[in-house]
Amino acid sequence: MTMTLLELMNIRLSCIVTNLGGNAEVCAHEQPGFVLGTHNPAQLTKAVGSLVNSPAKTKAFSVAVVALFNEKFTQQQMNQQYQRCYTSAFKK
C-alpha cells in the first residue's frame, strides 16, 4: 500500500489505481475509486471519464473516500494494526 493513496484519500480525492501491490486493499473497485488492470488504457479512459462526466459520482466518491479513510486508515488505526502485526510475529 502506498502512502500516496492514503494522502489522496485524506484530502478527499478518489483513487484510480492498478491492481498491483496493496492498492486494492486501499480502494475497492467503484468504492470509492477504481481498481484497474495493468496496461489497459481503455479502462483508465473509462474511469477518468466517468468521474469527469459525472459530478454527482465524483462528489459521492469524495464523501465515501473520507469515510473509508476515517474508518480504516487514521494514524491511530494504523498504529493499532502495526501493533497487532508485531505482537503476532513475536508470538511465533
Protein backbone atom coordinates (compact mmCIF):
# COMPACT_ATOMS: atom_id res chain seq x y z
CA MET A 1 0.00 0.00 0.00
CA THR A 2 1.39 3.38 -0.84
CA MET A 3 1.23 6.33 1.48
CA THR A 4 0.34 8.48 -1.52
CA LEU A 5 -3.06 6.79 -1.77
CA LEU A 6 -3.73 7.48 1.89
CA GLU A 7 -2.70 11.09 1.46
CA LEU A 8 -5.05 11.46 -1.50
CA MET A 9 -7.90 9.93 0.48
CA ASN A 10 -7.23 12.29 3.36
CA ILE A 11 -7.79 15.28 1.07
CA ARG A 12 -10.99 13.84 -0.44
CA LEU A 13 -9.62 12.60 -3.74
CA SER A 14 -10.80 9.26 -5.04
CA CYS A 15 -8.23 6.82 -6.35
CA ILE A 16 -7.69 5.32 -9.76
CA VAL A 17 -5.13 2.56 -9.26
CA THR A 18 -3.88 -0.66 -10.78
CA ASN A 19 -4.44 -3.98 -9.06
CA LEU A 20 -0.75 -4.28 -8.17
CA GLY A 21 0.68 -4.32 -4.68
CA GLY A 22 -1.67 -3.28 -1.92
CA ASN A 23 -3.67 -0.80 -3.96
CA ALA A 24 -6.82 -2.91 -3.98
CA GLU A 25 -6.64 -3.13 -0.18
CA VAL A 26 -6.99 0.64 -0.02
CA CYS A 27 -9.78 1.19 -2.52
CA ALA A 28 -12.18 -1.36 -3.91
CA HIS A 29 -13.42 -1.01 -7.48
CA GLU A 30 -16.01 1.77 -7.61
CA GLN A 31 -15.95 2.07 -3.81
CA PRO A 32 -14.69 4.93 -3.72
CA GLY A 33 -12.34 4.70 -6.64
CA PHE A 34 -11.32 2.42 -9.44
CA VAL A 35 -9.04 -0.61 -9.44
CA LEU A 36 -7.85 -1.28 -12.97
CA GLY A 37 -5.88 -3.98 -14.68
CA THR A 38 -2.36 -3.16 -15.74
CA HIS A 39 -1.55 -1.95 -19.25
CA ASN A 40 -5.19 -1.16 -20.02
CA PRO A 41 -5.58 2.38 -21.33
CA ALA A 42 -9.23 1.76 -22.24
CA GLN A 43 -10.08 1.06 -18.59
CA LEU A 44 -8.19 4.16 -17.50
CA THR A 45 -10.01 6.32 -20.04
CA LYS A 46 -13.36 4.94 -18.91
CA ALA A 47 -12.60 5.50 -15.21
CA VAL A 48 -11.39 9.07 -15.66
CA GLY A 49 -14.29 9.80 -17.99
CA SER A 50 -16.85 8.52 -15.52
CA LEU A 51 -15.58 10.98 -12.90
CA VAL A 52 -15.20 13.91 -15.30
CA ASN A 53 -18.64 13.36 -16.80
CA SER A 54 -20.47 12.77 -13.52
CA PRO A 55 -20.01 15.46 -10.88
CA ALA A 56 -22.50 13.58 -8.68
CA LYS A 57 -20.37 10.43 -8.79
CA THR A 58 -17.23 12.47 -8.11
CA LYS A 59 -18.87 14.08 -5.08
CA ALA A 60 -20.19 10.73 -3.81
CA PHE A 61 -16.71 9.20 -4.15
CA SER A 62 -15.23 12.20 -2.33
CA VAL A 63 -17.55 11.69 0.63
CA ALA A 64 -17.04 7.92 0.61
CA VAL A 65 -13.25 8.13 0.42
CA VAL A 66 -13.09 10.30 3.54
CA ALA A 67 -15.41 7.91 5.40
CA LEU A 68 -13.23 4.95 4.35
CA PHE A 69 -10.07 6.78 5.39
CA ASN A 70 -11.54 7.64 8.80
CA GLU A 71 -12.76 4.07 9.24
CA LYS A 72 -9.55 2.24 8.36
CA PHE A 73 -6.53 4.45 7.89
CA THR A 74 -6.19 7.08 10.59
CA GLN A 75 -2.86 7.24 12.40
CA GLN A 76 -4.37 5.58 15.47
CA GLN A 77 -5.83 2.70 13.46
CA MET A 78 -2.61 2.20 11.51
CA ASN A 79 -0.64 2.11 14.77
CA GLN A 80 -3.03 -0.50 16.17
CA GLN A 81 -2.64 -2.61 13.04
CA TYR A 82 1.16 -2.42 13.27
CA GLN A 83 0.99 -3.37 16.94
CA ARG A 84 -1.19 -6.42 16.17
CA CYS A 85 1.20 -7.42 13.40
CA TYR A 86 4.29 -7.14 15.61
CA THR A 87 2.57 -8.88 18.53
CA SER A 88 1.57 -11.75 16.25
CA ALA A 89 5.10 -12.02 14.83
CA PHE A 90 6.69 -12.17 18.28
CA LYS A 91 4.32 -14.91 19.44
CA LYS A 92 5.60 -17.25 16.72
